[in-house]
Amino acid sequence: MAAESANRYSNEEALRLQFAADRIALAVESARLGELERLRRGSLSFLVEASDLLAAPSTATRPWPSWPR
């Protein structure tokens, strides 16, 4: 799009530019929200796994084998 004069666009050109800017902003916001959702799911997966490990009954009373005395 060429400006008719310096820093001046027709109403139609301005509307097209605004429409394009709105579409780009929507795509950027959608990508940002998608990334936040991905991070949230990763955090929740970690918490679920940690919770399962902490809730599981311990199979050993010591972290090392018993040594003969």
Protein backbone atom coordinates (compact mmCIF):
# COMPACT_ATOMS: atom_id res chain seq x y z
CA MET A 1 0.00 0.00 0.00
CA ALA A 2 1.35 3.35 -0.95
CA ALA A 3 0.55 6.48 0.99
CA GLU A 4 -1.07 9.21 -1.06
CA SER A 5 1.15 11.69 0.74
CA ALA A 6 3.65 11.36 3.56
CA ASN A 7 2.10 9.42 6.49
CA ARG A 8 -1.38 9.45 4.98
CA TYR A 9 -3.48 6.49 3.91
CA SER A 10 -6.95 6.39 2.44
CA ASN A 11 -9.78 5.18 4.66
CA GLU A 12 -9.90 1.90 2.75
CA GLU A 13 -6.15 1.37 3.19
CA ALA A 14 -6.37 2.26 6.87
CA LEU A 15 -9.21 -0.25 7.34
CA ARG A 16 -7.23 -2.96 5.57
CA LEU A 17 -4.18 -2.25 7.72
CA GLN A 18 -6.28 -2.28 10.88
CA PHE A 19 -7.90 -5.56 9.84
CA ALA A 20 -4.47 -7.11 9.19
CA ALA A 21 -3.14 -5.81 12.52
CA ASP A 22 -6.16 -7.25 14.34
CA ARG A 23 -5.67 -10.66 12.71
CA ILE A 24 -1.95 -10.66 13.58
CA ALA A 25 -2.69 -9.66 17.18
CA LEU A 26 -5.22 -12.48 17.43
CA ALA A 27 -2.68 -15.01 16.13
CA VAL A 28 -0.01 -13.77 18.53
CA GLU A 29 -2.40 -13.91 21.49
CA SER A 30 -3.52 -17.40 20.51
CA ALA A 31 0.11 -18.57 20.36
CA ARG A 32 0.83 -16.97 23.74
CA LEU A 33 -2.16 -18.67 25.35
CA GLY A 34 -1.20 -21.99 23.76
CA GLU A 35 2.28 -21.73 25.25
CA LEU A 36 0.85 -20.90 28.68
CA GLU A 37 -1.44 -23.92 28.44
CA ARG A 38 1.50 -26.15 27.48
CA LEU A 39 3.50 -24.91 30.46
CA ARG A 40 0.52 -25.37 32.79
CA ARG A 41 0.01 -28.94 31.64
CA GLY A 42 3.69 -29.67 32.18
CA SER A 43 3.51 -28.30 35.72
CA LEU A 44 0.40 -30.33 36.47
CA SER A 45 2.00 -33.50 35.09
CA PHE A 46 5.00 -32.95 37.35
CA LEU A 47 2.76 -32.41 40.39
CA VAL A 48 0.73 -35.54 39.65
CA GLU A 49 3.85 -37.64 39.28
CA ALA A 50 5.41 -36.22 42.46
CA SER A 51 2.17 -36.79 44.35
CA ASP A 52 1.99 -40.39 43.18
CA LEU A 53 5.59 -41.00 44.26
CA LEU A 54 5.05 -39.44 47.67
CA ALA A 55 1.78 -41.32 48.25
CA ALA A 56 3.23 -44.73 47.32
CA PRO A 57 4.11 -46.98 50.23
CA SER A 58 7.80 -47.19 50.91
CA THR A 59 9.36 -50.58 50.20
CA ALA A 60 12.44 -49.94 52.31
CA THR A 61 12.89 -48.40 55.70
CA ARG A 62 16.43 -47.29 54.88
CA PRO A 63 17.89 -45.83 51.74
CA TRP A 64 20.74 -48.42 51.89
CA PRO A 65 20.88 -52.16 52.53
CA SER A 66 21.41 -53.47 56.06
CA TRP A 67 25.03 -54.34 56.69
CA PRO A 68 25.92 -57.28 58.89
CA ARG A 69 27.22 -56.27 62.31
